[in-house]
Amino acid sequence: MIFDSYFDRQFELRYFEMNNKGLARPTTILALLEETAADHSHFIGNSLFDLLEKNVGWVLVSGVLQMNRYPSYKEKITIRTWLSHYSFIKGYRENIIYDENNNIIGSAKGLWVFFDIDKRKPIPIFNEIKEKWSLLNKYAINRNIKKKIIAVESPQHVKQFRVNRYDTDSNKHVNNIRYLQWVIESIPEEITDNYFLHEIDGRFIAEAKFGDTILSLTQELETKNSFAHTIKIKGSDTICATAKTIWKPY
């Protein structure tokens, strides 16, 4: 459903999207946020597949997700999304997640760049997109998501992965959801078993490609149940992403 300045999308949580506690996984929430943004694009006549035919698309360069709680199996949630600011090549997308009683259970903010897929570089946002996406001067999360997150140098936890075909999206990028999954895999099991991901703040720096071997590096921070993360390509100095996470007890 679309209103003057924002777009609403309702979802009912499904069994395969749950963890072993019957709650939605963080990767599920990220996928639903992406689906809402994709539907918003489709609604104005510029679906992601329409853009793909023109060899252009949107690339997430930074973002933050905060969850007060995760929805349960069969629970209905509504994701409200809108654009708070545009520049020549990029825009900020805001998101609020509501439960069935209209309580806010989560929020997210992302900085997206309009991108030439063949040339692998940013390009000006089409005027027709700007005209159909009106702005709402309101923030879901008031946070500077352009601020640099320092890479991990002394990790206590390391996991290794290989980039497979299903890890990439229609833009031939490693999907944002996969980065979150790699981060979570490197978190100590005693944390993931007893705590939920309250916040992740991330920066996407360089591309990982099909066939690369990825290292997920995690360092424990001074603040309890907080971690710094770096995703890098093994055998090189290429850092693909950096992030910080905060975990809270169930």
C-alpha atoms as a PDB file:
ATOM      1  CA  MET A   1       0.000   0.000   0.000  1.00  0.00           C
ATOM      2  CA  ILE A   2       1.409   3.384  -0.948  1.00  0.00           C
ATOM      3  CA  PHE A   3       0.624   6.755   0.568  1.00  0.00           C
ATOM      4  CA  ASP A   4       1.832  10.245  -0.332  1.00  0.00           C
ATOM      5  CA  SER A   5       5.320   9.787   1.033  1.00  0.00           C
ATOM      6  CA  TYR A   6       5.709   6.215   2.222  1.00  0.00           C
ATOM      7  CA  PHE A   7       5.021   2.632   1.184  1.00  0.00           C
ATOM      8  CA  ASP A   8       3.652  -0.170   3.398  1.00  0.00           C
ATOM      9  CA  ARG A   9       4.106  -3.904   2.871  1.00  0.00           C
ATOM     10  CA  GLN A  10       2.634  -6.605   5.102  1.00  0.00           C
ATOM     11  CA  PHE A  11       4.196 -10.024   5.660  1.00  0.00           C
ATOM     12  CA  GLU A  12       3.212 -13.160   7.543  1.00  0.00           C
ATOM     13  CA  LEU A  13       6.236 -14.966   8.950  1.00  0.00           C
ATOM     14  CA  ARG A  14       6.753 -18.494   7.613  1.00  0.00           C
ATOM     15  CA  TYR A  15       8.179 -21.631   9.185  1.00  0.00           C
ATOM     16  CA  PHE A  16      11.428 -21.767   7.199  1.00  0.00           C
ATOM     17  CA  GLU A  17      12.201 -18.175   8.233  1.00  0.00           C
ATOM     18  CA  MET A  18      12.336 -19.107  11.937  1.00  0.00           C
ATOM     19  CA  ASN A  19      15.231 -20.015  14.219  1.00  0.00           C
ATOM     20  CA  ASN A  20      15.061 -22.843  16.754  1.00  0.00           C
ATOM     21  CA  LYS A  21      13.207 -20.548  19.182  1.00  0.00           C
ATOM     22  CA  GLY A  22      10.415 -19.930  16.680  1.00  0.00           C
ATOM     23  CA  LEU A  23      11.518 -16.370  15.998  1.00  0.00           C
ATOM     24  CA  ALA A  24      12.474 -14.766  12.696  1.00  0.00           C
ATOM     25  CA  ARG A  25      16.184 -14.798  11.923  1.00  0.00           C
ATOM     26  CA  PRO A  26      18.038 -11.500  11.396  1.00  0.00           C
ATOM     27  CA  THR A  27      18.656 -12.563   7.792  1.00  0.00           C
ATOM     28  CA  THR A  28      14.884 -12.984   7.384  1.00  0.00           C
ATOM     29  CA  ILE A  29      14.293  -9.404   8.491  1.00  0.00           C
ATOM     30  CA  LEU A  30      16.946  -8.129   6.088  1.00  0.00           C
ATOM     31  CA  ALA A  31      15.349 -10.116   3.255  1.00  0.00           C
ATOM     32  CA  LEU A  32      11.908  -8.638   4.045  1.00  0.00           C
ATOM     33  CA  LEU A  33      13.379  -5.131   4.061  1.00  0.00           C
ATOM     34  CA  GLU A  34      14.871  -5.778   0.615  1.00  0.00           C
ATOM     35  CA  GLU A  35      11.570  -7.206  -0.620  1.00  0.00           C
ATOM     36  CA  THR A  36       9.738  -4.095   0.577  1.00  0.00           C
ATOM     37  CA  ALA A  37      12.189  -1.822  -1.232  1.00  0.00           C
ATOM     38  CA  ALA A  38      11.851  -3.958  -4.371  1.00  0.00           C
ATOM     39  CA  ASP A  39       8.051  -3.721  -4.207  1.00  0.00           C
ATOM     40  CA  HIS A  40       8.294   0.040  -3.765  1.00  0.00           C
ATOM     41  CA  SER A  41      10.402   0.182  -6.939  1.00  0.00           C
ATOM     42  CA  HIS A  42       7.947  -2.052  -8.802  1.00  0.00           C
ATOM     43  CA  PHE A  43       5.007   0.113  -7.722  1.00  0.00           C
ATOM     44  CA  ILE A  44       6.426   3.210  -9.441  1.00  0.00           C
ATOM     45  CA  GLY A  45       7.111   1.278 -12.659  1.00  0.00           C
ATOM     46  CA  ASN A  46      10.846   0.802 -12.201  1.00  0.00           C
ATOM     47  CA  SER A  47      11.149  -2.738 -10.889  1.00  0.00           C
ATOM     48  CA  LEU A  48      14.608  -4.087 -10.227  1.00  0.00           C
ATOM     49  CA  PHE A  49      14.255  -6.314 -13.280  1.00  0.00           C
ATOM     50  CA  ASP A  50      13.230  -3.326 -15.416  1.00  0.00           C
ATOM     51  CA  LEU A  51      16.374  -1.560 -14.252  1.00  0.00           C
ATOM     52  CA  LEU A  52      18.450  -4.693 -14.859  1.00  0.00           C
ATOM     53  CA  GLU A  53      17.427  -4.634 -18.538  1.00  0.00           C
ATOM     54  CA  LYS A  54      19.066  -1.184 -18.655  1.00  0.00           C
ATOM     55  CA  ASN A  55      22.146  -2.561 -16.851  1.00  0.00           C
ATOM     56  CA  VAL A  56      21.531  -0.392 -13.782  1.00  0.00           C
ATOM     57  CA  GLY A  57      20.501  -1.095 -10.204  1.00  0.00           C
ATOM     58  CA  TRP A  58      20.746  -0.081  -6.564  1.00  0.00           C
ATOM     59  CA  VAL A  59      23.718  -0.983  -4.348  1.00  0.00           C
ATOM     60  CA  LEU A  60      23.666  -0.721  -0.553  1.00  0.00           C
ATOM     61  CA  VAL A  61      26.832   0.986   0.710  1.00  0.00           C
ATOM     62  CA  SER A  62      25.991   1.368   4.384  1.00  0.00           C
ATOM     63  CA  GLY A  63      23.163   0.646   6.765  1.00  0.00           C
ATOM     64  CA  VAL A  64      21.962   0.005  10.284  1.00  0.00           C
ATOM     65  CA  LEU A  65      19.280  -2.370  11.599  1.00  0.00           C
ATOM     66  CA  GLN A  66      17.879  -2.240  15.136  1.00  0.00           C
ATOM     67  CA  MET A  67      15.434  -4.843  16.483  1.00  0.00           C
ATOM     68  CA  ASN A  68      13.626  -4.600  19.818  1.00  0.00           C
ATOM     69  CA  ARG A  69      12.264  -8.098  19.275  1.00  0.00           C
ATOM     70  CA  TYR A  70      11.864 -10.566  16.407  1.00  0.00           C
ATOM     71  CA  PRO A  71       8.447 -11.655  15.138  1.00  0.00           C
ATOM     72  CA  SER A  72       7.288 -15.227  15.708  1.00  0.00           C
ATOM     73  CA  TYR A  73       5.871 -17.905  13.417  1.00  0.00           C
ATOM     74  CA  LYS A  74       2.649 -16.787  11.665  1.00  0.00           C
ATOM     75  CA  GLU A  75       2.907 -13.299  13.144  1.00  0.00           C
ATOM     76  CA  LYS A  76       1.952 -10.506  10.761  1.00  0.00           C
ATOM     77  CA  ILE A  77       4.206  -7.478  10.501  1.00  0.00           C
ATOM     78  CA  THR A  78       4.106  -4.297   8.427  1.00  0.00           C
ATOM     79  CA  ILE A  79       7.236  -2.680   7.045  1.00  0.00           C
ATOM     80  CA  ARG A  80       6.908   1.016   6.261  1.00  0.00           C
ATOM     81  CA  THR A  81       9.566   2.469   3.960  1.00  0.00           C
ATOM     82  CA  TRP A  82      10.277   5.904   2.549  1.00  0.00           C
ATOM     83  CA  LEU A  83      13.060   8.063   1.129  1.00  0.00           C
ATOM     84  CA  SER A  84      14.338  10.767   3.462  1.00  0.00           C
ATOM     85  CA  HIS A  85      16.984  12.369   1.240  1.00  0.00           C
ATOM     86  CA  TYR A  86      18.371  12.261  -2.308  1.00  0.00           C
ATOM     87  CA  SER A  87      21.583  13.465  -3.856  1.00  0.00           C
ATOM     88  CA  PHE A  88      22.821  13.142  -7.437  1.00  0.00           C
ATOM     89  CA  ILE A  89      23.692   9.433  -7.278  1.00  0.00           C
ATOM     90  CA  LYS A  90      22.400   8.170  -3.923  1.00  0.00           C
ATOM     91  CA  GLY A  91      19.475   8.183  -1.535  1.00  0.00           C
ATOM     92  CA  TYR A  92      18.617   7.284   2.062  1.00  0.00           C
ATOM     93  CA  ARG A  93      15.887   4.700   2.625  1.00  0.00           C
ATOM     94  CA  GLU A  94      14.205   4.604   6.032  1.00  0.00           C
ATOM     95  CA  ASN A  95      12.219   1.671   7.444  1.00  0.00           C
ATOM     96  CA  ILE A  96      10.013   1.045  10.470  1.00  0.00           C
ATOM     97  CA  ILE A  97       8.728  -2.448  11.342  1.00  0.00           C
ATOM     98  CA  TYR A  98       5.348  -2.677  13.106  1.00  0.00           C
ATOM     99  CA  ASP A  99       3.607  -5.634  14.729  1.00  0.00           C
ATOM    100  CA  GLU A 100      -0.133  -6.337  14.435  1.00  0.00           C
ATOM    101  CA  ASN A 101      -0.862  -3.928  17.290  1.00  0.00           C
ATOM    102  CA  ASN A 102       1.040  -1.124  15.574  1.00  0.00           C
ATOM    103  CA  ASN A 103       3.933  -1.346  18.022  1.00  0.00           C
ATOM    104  CA  ILE A 104       7.375  -0.580  16.611  1.00  0.00           C
ATOM    105  CA  ILE A 105       9.544  -3.700  16.877  1.00  0.00           C
ATOM    106  CA  GLY A 106      12.393  -2.607  14.620  1.00  0.00           C
ATOM    107  CA  SER A 107      13.912   0.143  12.492  1.00  0.00           C
ATOM    108  CA  ALA A 108      16.438   0.351   9.689  1.00  0.00           C
ATOM    109  CA  LYS A 109      18.244   2.928   7.586  1.00  0.00           C
ATOM    110  CA  GLY A 110      20.243   2.396   4.407  1.00  0.00           C
ATOM    111  CA  LEU A 111      22.320   4.490   2.023  1.00  0.00           C
ATOM    112  CA  TRP A 112      21.816   3.245  -1.537  1.00  0.00           C
ATOM    113  CA  VAL A 113      23.787   4.229  -4.644  1.00  0.00           C
ATOM    114  CA  PHE A 114      22.437   4.063  -8.206  1.00  0.00           C
ATOM    115  CA  PHE A 115      24.871   1.891 -10.126  1.00  0.00           C
ATOM    116  CA  ASP A 116      25.943   0.992 -13.666  1.00  0.00           C
ATOM    117  CA  ILE A 117      26.301  -2.791 -13.533  1.00  0.00           C
ATOM    118  CA  ASP A 118      28.585  -3.140 -16.581  1.00  0.00           C
ATOM    119  CA  LYS A 119      30.889  -0.242 -15.733  1.00  0.00           C
ATOM    120  CA  ARG A 120      30.734  -1.003 -11.981  1.00  0.00           C
ATOM    121  CA  LYS A 121      30.404   2.653 -11.022  1.00  0.00           C
ATOM    122  CA  PRO A 122      27.717   5.042  -9.691  1.00  0.00           C
ATOM    123  CA  ILE A 123      25.551   6.999 -12.119  1.00  0.00           C
ATOM    124  CA  PRO A 124      22.914   9.764 -11.751  1.00  0.00           C
ATOM    125  CA  ILE A 125      19.514   8.585 -10.497  1.00  0.00           C
ATOM    126  CA  PHE A 126      16.907   8.646 -13.281  1.00  0.00           C
ATOM    127  CA  ASN A 127      14.660  11.723 -13.060  1.00  0.00           C
ATOM    128  CA  GLU A 128      11.548   9.557 -13.466  1.00  0.00           C
ATOM    129  CA  ILE A 129      12.469   7.714 -10.259  1.00  0.00           C
ATOM    130  CA  LYS A 130      12.986  10.941  -8.321  1.00  0.00           C
ATOM    131  CA  GLU A 131       9.673  12.322  -9.574  1.00  0.00           C
ATOM    132  CA  LYS A 132       7.669   9.257  -8.494  1.00  0.00           C
ATOM    133  CA  TRP A 133       9.412   8.753  -5.143  1.00  0.00           C
ATOM    134  CA  SER A 134       8.439  11.738  -3.027  1.00  0.00           C
ATOM    135  CA  LEU A 135      10.537  12.556   0.024  1.00  0.00           C
ATOM    136  CA  LEU A 136       9.523  12.477   3.676  1.00  0.00           C
ATOM    137  CA  ASN A 137      11.780  14.492   5.968  1.00  0.00           C
ATOM    138  CA  LYS A 138      11.654  11.996   8.825  1.00  0.00           C
ATOM    139  CA  TYR A 139      14.209   9.484  10.111  1.00  0.00           C
ATOM    140  CA  ALA A 140      13.595   5.934  11.282  1.00  0.00           C
ATOM    141  CA  ILE A 141      17.054   5.998  12.901  1.00  0.00           C
ATOM    142  CA  ASN A 142      18.946   9.242  13.447  1.00  0.00           C
ATOM    143  CA  ARG A 143      22.442   7.915  12.794  1.00  0.00           C
ATOM    144  CA  ASN A 144      25.398   8.921  10.624  1.00  0.00           C
ATOM    145  CA  ILE A 145      25.799   5.754   8.565  1.00  0.00           C
ATOM    146  CA  LYS A 146      28.610   7.239   6.479  1.00  0.00           C
ATOM    147  CA  LYS A 147      30.989   7.239   9.447  1.00  0.00           C
ATOM    148  CA  LYS A 148      33.858   4.786   8.928  1.00  0.00           C
ATOM    149  CA  ILE A 149      33.944   1.544  10.922  1.00  0.00           C
ATOM    150  CA  ILE A 150      37.544   0.515  11.598  1.00  0.00           C
ATOM    151  CA  ALA A 151      38.549  -2.936  10.329  1.00  0.00           C
ATOM    152  CA  VAL A 152      39.350  -5.724  12.787  1.00  0.00           C
ATOM    153  CA  GLU A 153      43.079  -6.325  13.239  1.00  0.00           C
ATOM    154  CA  SER A 154      43.165  -8.810  16.139  1.00  0.00           C
ATOM    155  CA  PRO A 155      40.213 -11.197  15.750  1.00  0.00           C
ATOM    156  CA  GLN A 156      39.369 -13.763  18.415  1.00  0.00           C
ATOM    157  CA  HIS A 157      37.048 -15.629  16.053  1.00  0.00           C
ATOM    158  CA  VAL A 158      37.588 -16.468  12.372  1.00  0.00           C
ATOM    159  CA  LYS A 159      35.391 -18.330   9.887  1.00  0.00           C
ATOM    160  CA  GLN A 160      36.139 -19.117   6.242  1.00  0.00           C
ATOM    161  CA  PHE A 161      33.651 -19.306   3.367  1.00  0.00           C
ATOM    162  CA  ARG A 162      33.712 -19.679  -0.399  1.00  0.00           C
ATOM    163  CA  VAL A 163      31.564 -17.417  -2.581  1.00  0.00           C
ATOM    164  CA  ASN A 164      29.153 -19.612  -4.539  1.00  0.00           C
ATOM    165  CA  ARG A 165      26.735 -18.667  -7.310  1.00  0.00           C
ATOM    166  CA  TYR A 166      23.741 -18.514  -4.950  1.00  0.00           C
ATOM    167  CA  ASP A 167      25.586 -15.937  -2.838  1.00  0.00           C
ATOM    168  CA  THR A 168      25.240 -13.299  -5.576  1.00  0.00           C
ATOM    169  CA  ASP A 169      22.242 -11.188  -6.589  1.00  0.00           C
ATOM    170  CA  SER A 170      20.887  -9.857  -9.891  1.00  0.00           C
ATOM    171  CA  ASN A 171      23.607  -7.160  -9.909  1.00  0.00           C
ATOM    172  CA  LYS A 172      26.253  -9.929  -9.673  1.00  0.00           C
ATOM    173  CA  HIS A 173      27.171  -8.633  -6.208  1.00  0.00           C
ATOM    174  CA  VAL A 174      27.405 -10.807  -3.146  1.00  0.00           C
ATOM    175  CA  ASN A 175      23.982 -10.244  -1.604  1.00  0.00           C
ATOM    176  CA  ASN A 176      23.812  -8.086   1.533  1.00  0.00           C
ATOM    177  CA  ILE A 177      22.067 -10.903   3.376  1.00  0.00           C
ATOM    178  CA  ARG A 178      25.063 -13.174   2.845  1.00  0.00           C
ATOM    179  CA  TYR A 179      27.383 -10.682   4.557  1.00  0.00           C
ATOM    180  CA  LEU A 180      25.112 -10.684   7.603  1.00  0.00           C
ATOM    181  CA  GLN A 181      25.080 -14.472   7.602  1.00  0.00           C
ATOM    182  CA  TRP A 182      28.896 -14.594   7.463  1.00  0.00           C
ATOM    183  CA  VAL A 183      29.089 -12.146  10.380  1.00  0.00           C
ATOM    184  CA  ILE A 184      26.696 -14.195  12.511  1.00  0.00           C
ATOM    185  CA  GLU A 185      28.578 -17.416  11.755  1.00  0.00           C
ATOM    186  CA  SER A 186      31.712 -15.972  13.352  1.00  0.00           C
ATOM    187  CA  ILE A 187      29.931 -14.974  16.577  1.00  0.00           C
ATOM    188  CA  PRO A 188      30.601 -17.316  19.543  1.00  0.00           C
ATOM    189  CA  GLU A 189      27.909 -19.951  19.908  1.00  0.00           C
ATOM    190  CA  GLU A 190      27.192 -19.065  23.531  1.00  0.00           C
ATOM    191  CA  ILE A 191      26.112 -15.627  22.273  1.00  0.00           C
ATOM    192  CA  THR A 192      23.936 -16.778  19.379  1.00  0.00           C
ATOM    193  CA  ASP A 193      22.280 -19.442  21.570  1.00  0.00           C
ATOM    194  CA  ASN A 194      21.293 -17.067  24.362  1.00  0.00           C
ATOM    195  CA  TYR A 195      21.150 -13.594  22.826  1.00  0.00           C
ATOM    196  CA  PHE A 196      19.433 -11.957  19.874  1.00  0.00           C
ATOM    197  CA  LEU A 197      20.968  -9.489  17.421  1.00  0.00           C
ATOM    198  CA  HIS A 198      19.756  -6.117  18.667  1.00  0.00           C
ATOM    199  CA  GLU A 199      21.774  -3.968  16.270  1.00  0.00           C
ATOM    200  CA  ILE A 200      24.076  -4.270  13.294  1.00  0.00           C
ATOM    201  CA  ASP A 201      25.764  -1.239  11.759  1.00  0.00           C
ATOM    202  CA  GLY A 202      27.635  -2.032   8.547  1.00  0.00           C
ATOM    203  CA  ARG A 203      29.680  -0.558   5.691  1.00  0.00           C
ATOM    204  CA  PHE A 204      30.146  -2.186   2.285  1.00  0.00           C
ATOM    205  CA  ILE A 205      33.545  -1.302   0.858  1.00  0.00           C
ATOM    206  CA  ALA A 206      34.542  -3.643  -1.991  1.00  0.00           C
ATOM    207  CA  GLU A 207      32.996  -6.432  -4.013  1.00  0.00           C
ATOM    208  CA  ALA A 208      33.485 -10.108  -3.377  1.00  0.00           C
ATOM    209  CA  LYS A 209      33.093 -12.273  -6.471  1.00  0.00           C
ATOM    210  CA  PHE A 210      32.126 -15.813  -7.331  1.00  0.00           C
ATOM    211  CA  GLY A 211      34.999 -18.142  -6.424  1.00  0.00           C
ATOM    212  CA  ASP A 212      36.588 -15.880  -3.806  1.00  0.00           C
ATOM    213  CA  THR A 213      37.448 -17.301  -0.393  1.00  0.00           C
ATOM    214  CA  ILE A 214      36.083 -15.092   2.358  1.00  0.00           C
ATOM    215  CA  LEU A 215      37.313 -14.625   5.907  1.00  0.00           C
ATOM    216  CA  SER A 216      34.858 -13.445   8.557  1.00  0.00           C
ATOM    217  CA  LEU A 217      36.830 -11.855  11.411  1.00  0.00           C
ATOM    218  CA  THR A 218      35.234 -11.028  14.761  1.00  0.00           C
ATOM    219  CA  GLN A 219      36.701  -9.124  17.682  1.00  0.00           C
ATOM    220  CA  GLU A 220      35.082  -8.777  21.104  1.00  0.00           C
ATOM    221  CA  LEU A 221      34.687  -5.156  22.224  1.00  0.00           C
ATOM    222  CA  GLU A 222      34.930  -3.705  25.714  1.00  0.00           C
ATOM    223  CA  THR A 223      31.172  -3.216  25.925  1.00  0.00           C
ATOM    224  CA  LYS A 224      29.598  -6.511  26.951  1.00  0.00           C
ATOM    225  CA  ASN A 225      28.051  -8.548  24.113  1.00  0.00           C
ATOM    226  CA  SER A 226      29.335  -6.128  21.472  1.00  0.00           C
ATOM    227  CA  PHE A 227      31.575  -7.101  18.576  1.00  0.00           C
ATOM    228  CA  ALA A 228      33.487  -5.624  15.649  1.00  0.00           C
ATOM    229  CA  HIS A 229      33.550  -7.480  12.341  1.00  0.00           C
ATOM    230  CA  THR A 230      35.455  -7.496   9.078  1.00  0.00           C
ATOM    231  CA  ILE A 231      34.734  -9.457   5.929  1.00  0.00           C
ATOM    232  CA  LYS A 232      37.808  -9.739   3.693  1.00  0.00           C
ATOM    233  CA  ILE A 233      39.073 -11.766   0.758  1.00  0.00           C
ATOM    234  CA  LYS A 234      41.609 -14.389   1.784  1.00  0.00           C
ATOM    235  CA  GLY A 235      45.070 -13.960   0.310  1.00  0.00           C
ATOM    236  CA  SER A 236      44.650 -10.237  -0.308  1.00  0.00           C
ATOM    237  CA  ASP A 237      44.288  -6.963   1.559  1.00  0.00           C
ATOM    238  CA  THR A 238      40.810  -6.413   0.116  1.00  0.00           C
ATOM    239  CA  ILE A 239      38.265  -5.594   2.810  1.00  0.00           C
ATOM    240  CA  CYS A 240      34.711  -6.138   1.581  1.00  0.00           C
ATOM    241  CA  ALA A 241      32.771  -4.970   4.621  1.00  0.00           C
ATOM    242  CA  THR A 242      33.074  -3.813   8.219  1.00  0.00           C
ATOM    243  CA  ALA A 243      30.427  -3.889  10.920  1.00  0.00           C
ATOM    244  CA  LYS A 244      29.590  -3.673  14.604  1.00  0.00           C
ATOM    245  CA  THR A 245      26.946  -5.751  16.368  1.00  0.00           C
ATOM    246  CA  ILE A 246      25.199  -5.529  19.732  1.00  0.00           C
ATOM    247  CA  TRP A 247      23.437  -8.561  21.248  1.00  0.00           C
ATOM    248  CA  LYS A 248      20.763  -8.678  23.967  1.00  0.00           C
ATOM    249  CA  PRO A 249      19.450 -11.614  26.011  1.00  0.00           C
ATOM    250  CA  TYR A 250      16.194 -13.250  24.930  1.00  0.00           C
END
